[in-house]
Amino acid sequence: MKYDKQAIITSAISVSIGSAVMFGSGALQTFGVYVIGTLSALSLFLLLFGAMKGDVAQRSMEQAPINTALSLYQLSALIYAGYPKLAAFYAVVTFLLVAMAYGATKKEVEQ
């Protein structure tokens, strides 16, 4: 498993946002919730228009273990902070991301 500089920075940002939601108060927590909600909506929008193909899908599958852990952390932060509806939306979008990446990489292997 290979993690590049971009993956490490992305992971650090993800942990920071999750921590802001879980441990922050007031504006910091609200900021974290808005960021997660906005990125979830943007991810769903991109999935609906077929952005999960080729290199993006391959990279997503290569980093699936760390991405899964980070997603679970953010999901638990949303639930703990009292945002169950956003947590459910986030969980569905995350599941769709993984499913689409798996499907795209499987198609490439079969060809």
Protein backbone atom coordinates (compact mmCIF):
# COMPACT_ATOMS: atom_id res chain seq x y z
CA MET A 1 0.00 0.00 0.00
CA LYS A 2 1.45 3.33 -1.05
CA TYR A 3 0.43 6.67 0.37
CA ASP A 4 1.64 9.82 -1.27
CA LYS A 5 1.86 13.35 0.07
CA GLN A 6 -1.65 14.23 -1.15
CA ALA A 7 -3.18 11.24 0.66
CA ILE A 8 -1.47 12.18 3.91
CA ILE A 9 -2.63 15.79 3.68
CA THR A 10 -6.17 14.71 2.81
CA SER A 11 -6.20 12.33 5.78
CA ALA A 12 -4.99 15.07 8.13
CA ILE A 13 -7.73 17.42 6.90
CA SER A 14 -10.33 14.68 7.32
CA VAL A 15 -9.26 14.02 10.91
CA SER A 16 -9.27 17.75 11.64
CA ILE A 17 -12.81 18.18 10.33
CA GLY A 18 -14.05 15.14 12.25
CA SER A 19 -12.38 16.43 15.42
CA ALA A 20 -13.94 19.86 14.90
CA VAL A 21 -17.37 18.23 14.78
CA MET A 22 -16.78 15.93 17.73
CA PHE A 23 -14.80 18.15 20.09
CA GLY A 24 -15.49 21.67 18.82
CA SER A 25 -18.14 23.97 20.14
CA GLY A 26 -20.16 26.70 18.55
CA ALA A 27 -18.79 28.02 15.28
CA LEU A 28 -16.05 25.37 14.96
CA GLN A 29 -18.54 22.51 15.18
CA THR A 30 -20.92 24.24 12.79
CA PHE A 31 -18.09 24.79 10.32
CA GLY A 32 -17.18 21.08 10.43
CA VAL A 33 -20.79 20.04 9.89
CA TYR A 34 -21.15 22.40 6.92
CA VAL A 35 -17.93 21.12 5.36
CA ILE A 36 -18.98 17.48 5.69
CA GLY A 37 -22.46 18.23 4.38
CA THR A 38 -21.16 20.22 1.42
CA LEU A 39 -18.56 17.61 0.47
CA SER A 40 -21.15 14.84 0.78
CA ALA A 41 -23.56 16.67 -1.52
CA LEU A 42 -20.77 17.41 -3.99
CA SER A 43 -19.67 13.76 -3.94
CA LEU A 44 -23.21 12.59 -4.63
CA PHE A 45 -23.52 15.09 -7.48
CA LEU A 46 -20.26 13.87 -9.04
CA LEU A 47 -21.29 10.23 -8.64
CA LEU A 48 -24.56 10.86 -10.41
CA PHE A 49 -22.64 12.29 -13.36
CA GLY A 50 -20.17 9.41 -13.59
CA ALA A 51 -17.00 10.86 -12.09
CA MET A 52 -15.93 7.53 -10.56
CA LYS A 53 -14.01 6.04 -13.49
CA GLY A 54 -10.54 4.89 -14.39
CA ASP A 55 -7.71 6.37 -12.38
CA VAL A 56 -10.01 7.95 -9.79
CA ALA A 57 -11.63 4.60 -9.04
CA GLN A 58 -8.29 2.81 -8.92
CA ARG A 59 -6.81 5.35 -6.51
CA SER A 60 -9.92 5.19 -4.35
CA MET A 61 -9.67 1.41 -4.08
CA GLU A 62 -5.95 1.54 -3.27
CA GLN A 63 -6.64 3.85 -0.35
CA ALA A 64 -9.84 2.13 0.78
CA PRO A 65 -8.58 0.94 4.21
CA ILE A 66 -7.54 4.39 5.44
CA ASN A 67 -10.54 6.07 3.78
CA THR A 68 -12.89 3.63 5.50
CA ALA A 69 -11.37 4.39 8.90
CA LEU A 70 -11.59 8.14 8.30
CA SER A 71 -15.19 7.86 7.12
CA LEU A 72 -16.14 5.89 10.22
CA TYR A 73 -14.49 8.55 12.38
CA GLN A 74 -16.45 11.34 10.70
CA LEU A 75 -19.65 9.29 10.84
CA SER A 76 -19.25 8.70 14.57
CA ALA A 77 -18.44 12.39 15.08
CA LEU A 78 -21.67 13.39 13.34
CA ILE A 79 -23.71 10.95 15.42
CA TYR A 80 -22.02 12.00 18.67
CA ALA A 81 -22.55 15.69 17.91
CA GLY A 82 -26.27 15.16 17.30
CA TYR A 83 -26.56 15.17 13.50
CA PRO A 84 -28.08 11.74 12.74
CA LYS A 85 -29.73 12.78 9.45
CA LEU A 86 -26.48 14.16 8.07
CA ALA A 87 -24.70 11.06 9.36
CA ALA A 88 -27.14 8.84 7.47
CA PHE A 89 -26.69 10.87 4.28
CA TYR A 90 -22.91 10.74 4.71
CA ALA A 91 -23.02 6.95 5.22
CA VAL A 92 -25.09 6.41 2.07
CA VAL A 93 -22.83 8.63 -0.05
CA THR A 94 -19.72 6.90 1.30
CA PHE A 95 -21.22 3.49 0.52
CA LEU A 96 -22.06 4.62 -3.01
CA LEU A 97 -18.51 5.94 -3.50
CA VAL A 98 -17.02 2.59 -2.52
CA ALA A 99 -19.54 0.62 -4.58
CA MET A 100 -18.97 2.72 -7.69
CA ALA A 101 -15.18 2.53 -7.30
CA TYR A 102 -15.34 -1.24 -6.88
CA GLY A 103 -17.60 -1.58 -9.91
CA ALA A 104 -15.36 0.62 -12.06
CA THR A 105 -12.19 -1.24 -11.12
CA LYS A 106 -13.88 -4.60 -11.62
CA LYS A 107 -14.93 -3.58 -15.15
CA GLU A 108 -11.36 -2.55 -15.97
CA VAL A 109 -10.01 -5.90 -14.77
CA GLU A 110 -12.54 -7.83 -16.87
CA GLN A 111 -11.61 -5.96 -20.06
